[in-house]
Protein backbone atom coordinates (compact mmCIF):
# COMPACT_ATOMS: atom_id res chain seq x y z
CA UNK A 1 236.75 -9.14 -76.32
CA UNK A 2 237.14 -12.12 -74.50
CA UNK A 3 238.80 -13.05 -71.27
CA UNK A 4 242.29 -13.04 -72.75
CA UNK A 5 241.83 -9.61 -74.32
CA UNK A 6 240.76 -8.36 -70.86
CA UNK A 7 243.71 -9.84 -69.38
CA UNK A 8 245.87 -8.26 -71.79
CA UNK A 9 244.32 -4.79 -71.52
CA UNK A 10 244.63 -5.28 -67.63
CA UNK A 11 248.46 -6.12 -68.38
CA UNK A 12 248.76 -2.92 -70.37
CA UNK A 13 246.98 -0.81 -68.16
CA UNK A 14 249.37 -1.83 -65.26
CA UNK A 15 252.43 -1.20 -67.42
CA UNK A 16 252.26 -0.28 -71.10
CA UNK A 17 255.84 -0.49 -71.76
CA UNK A 18 256.30 -4.18 -70.59
CA UNK A 19 257.38 -6.65 -73.20
CA UNK A 20 254.86 -8.76 -75.13
CA UNK A 21 256.70 -11.80 -73.75
CA UNK A 22 255.96 -10.60 -70.35
CA UNK A 23 252.23 -10.31 -71.01
CA UNK A 24 252.10 -13.66 -72.91
CA UNK A 25 253.51 -15.18 -69.57
CA UNK A 26 250.90 -13.21 -67.58
CA UNK A 27 247.87 -14.48 -69.57
CA UNK A 28 249.10 -17.84 -70.56
CA UNK A 29 249.32 -17.35 -74.39
CA UNK A 30 251.91 -17.57 -76.78
CA UNK A 31 254.04 -14.11 -77.76
CA UNK A 32 252.70 -14.20 -81.25
CA UNK A 33 249.11 -14.66 -80.20
CA UNK A 34 249.50 -11.62 -77.66
CA UNK A 35 251.06 -9.51 -80.31
CA UNK A 36 248.30 -10.31 -82.89
CA UNK A 37 245.48 -9.56 -80.28
CA UNK A 38 247.06 -6.07 -79.48
CA UNK A 39 247.36 -5.31 -83.02
CA UNK A 40 243.78 -6.37 -83.73
CA UNK A 41 242.41 -4.35 -80.44
CA UNK A 42 244.39 -1.31 -81.67
CA UNK A 43 242.82 -1.50 -85.27
CA UNK A 44 239.64 -1.78 -83.84
CA UNK A 45 239.61 0.95 -81.71
CA UNK A 46 239.50 -1.04 -78.43
CA UNK A 47 243.07 0.19 -77.77
CA UNK A 48 243.25 4.00 -78.38
CA UNK A 49 246.80 4.54 -77.46
CA UNK A 50 249.47 4.92 -74.93
CA UNK A 51 250.33 7.83 -72.57
CA UNK A 52 252.66 8.51 -69.86
CA UNK A 53 251.10 10.02 -66.91
CA UNK A 54 253.11 11.49 -64.04
CA UNK A 55 251.86 12.25 -60.48
CA UNK A 56 248.36 10.79 -61.05
CA UNK A 57 248.02 9.60 -57.70
CA UNK A 58 247.99 11.55 -54.41
CA UNK A 59 249.84 8.98 -52.35
CA UNK A 60 253.05 9.32 -54.29
CA UNK A 61 254.16 12.70 -53.12
CA UNK A 62 251.00 14.45 -51.45
CA UNK A 63 247.70 15.64 -53.13
CA UNK A 64 247.63 17.02 -56.66
CA UNK A 65 247.17 20.42 -56.55
CA UNK A 66 245.55 23.23 -58.66
CA UNK A 67 244.18 26.86 -58.74
CA UNK A 68 241.42 27.70 -60.95
CA UNK A 69 240.20 31.31 -61.59
CA UNK A 70 236.57 32.06 -62.43
CA UNK A 71 235.81 35.15 -64.36
CA UNK A 72 232.19 35.96 -64.24
CA UNK A 73 231.67 39.41 -65.49
CA UNK A 74 229.89 41.09 -62.65
CA UNK A 75 227.87 38.23 -61.18
CA UNK A 76 227.44 38.02 -57.59
CA UNK A 77 230.28 36.02 -56.01
CA UNK A 78 228.43 34.67 -53.00
CA UNK A 79 226.39 32.15 -55.06
CA UNK A 80 229.45 31.11 -57.01
CA UNK A 81 231.54 30.62 -53.69
CA UNK A 82 228.46 28.42 -52.24
CA UNK A 83 228.69 26.34 -55.46
CA UNK A 84 232.63 25.70 -55.28
CA UNK A 85 232.89 25.29 -51.57
CA UNK A 86 230.35 22.14 -51.53
CA UNK A 87 233.18 19.96 -53.03
CA UNK A 88 235.57 18.74 -50.14
CA UNK A 89 238.38 18.79 -52.30
CA UNK A 90 238.32 22.81 -52.55
CA UNK A 91 240.29 24.02 -49.63
CA UNK A 92 240.27 27.98 -50.30
CA UNK A 93 238.06 30.45 -52.42
CA UNK A 94 239.34 33.75 -52.65
CA UNK A 95 237.40 37.14 -53.96
CA UNK A 96 240.52 38.78 -55.71
CA UNK A 97 240.75 42.35 -57.37
CA UNK A 98 241.44 42.71 -61.01
CA UNK A 99 240.35 40.68 -63.81
CA UNK A 100 239.85 37.51 -62.03
CA UNK A 101 236.89 37.59 -59.70
CA UNK A 102 237.43 34.11 -57.89
CA UNK A 103 240.70 32.22 -57.15
CA UNK A 104 240.07 28.65 -56.10
CA UNK A 105 242.70 26.26 -54.50
CA UNK A 106 241.99 22.66 -54.90
CA UNK A 107 243.69 19.31 -53.78
CA UNK A 108 242.71 16.15 -55.38
CA UNK A 109 243.92 12.46 -55.65
CA UNK A 110 243.31 11.98 -59.46
CA UNK A 111 242.96 14.18 -62.59
CA UNK A 112 239.78 12.67 -63.56
CA UNK A 113 238.16 14.13 -60.28
CA UNK A 114 239.43 17.66 -61.02
CA UNK A 115 237.88 17.48 -64.65
CA UNK A 116 234.70 16.19 -63.24
CA UNK A 117 234.46 18.97 -60.65
CA UNK A 118 235.51 21.61 -63.21
CA UNK A 119 232.80 20.32 -65.42
CA UNK A 120 230.25 20.37 -62.90
CA UNK A 121 230.97 23.93 -61.93
CA UNK A 122 231.26 25.09 -65.59
CA UNK A 123 227.94 23.70 -66.03
CA UNK A 124 226.45 25.71 -63.24
CA UNK A 125 228.07 29.04 -64.20
CA UNK A 126 226.36 32.04 -65.65
CA UNK A 127 226.65 32.62 -69.43
CA UNK A 128 229.85 34.05 -70.37
CA UNK A 129 231.77 33.14 -67.31
CA UNK A 130 234.93 31.54 -67.91
CA UNK A 131 237.14 29.19 -65.95
CA UNK A 132 240.91 28.75 -66.20
CA UNK A 133 243.00 26.22 -64.42
CA UNK A 134 246.82 26.22 -63.46
CA UNK A 135 248.10 23.16 -62.15
CA UNK A 136 250.52 23.19 -59.22
CA UNK A 137 253.75 21.78 -60.41
CA UNK A 138 256.17 22.77 -57.50
CA UNK A 139 256.07 24.61 -54.40
CA UNK A 140 258.60 26.35 -52.40
CA UNK A 141 258.27 27.30 -48.87
CA UNK A 142 259.73 30.05 -46.74
CA UNK A 143 262.42 28.51 -44.31
CA UNK A 144 261.69 29.20 -40.68
CA UNK A 145 264.02 31.77 -38.97
């Protein structure tokens, strides 16, 4: 990849739906040249695809939020609580009754951060333990009064 390819990638990361003409103007190449470069990068696997991401940044409408449950099948909770509470993004860790042993509430700024935290926790869980994640899509609050 040369500097033009890198500029095209940067433009696509900023807005993957913009026209080839708009990208060409930004990188100072002709429209056919940009189109050809995009096609080549797709064929060579440098561009793997395009996706729509929603609410990926906390600054849009507050932090992203999720709950994840940990089922560990009889393992002591205290070491697991210490493990999950080491992350500043974890706000609450509840020991609960029923099939789930721990219910963890987490607020984070980007999906990648959630992925990283869950991967780190999963690697340290006892064998047979399971994590299930539930993204918070909407929150309703009781009105005062």
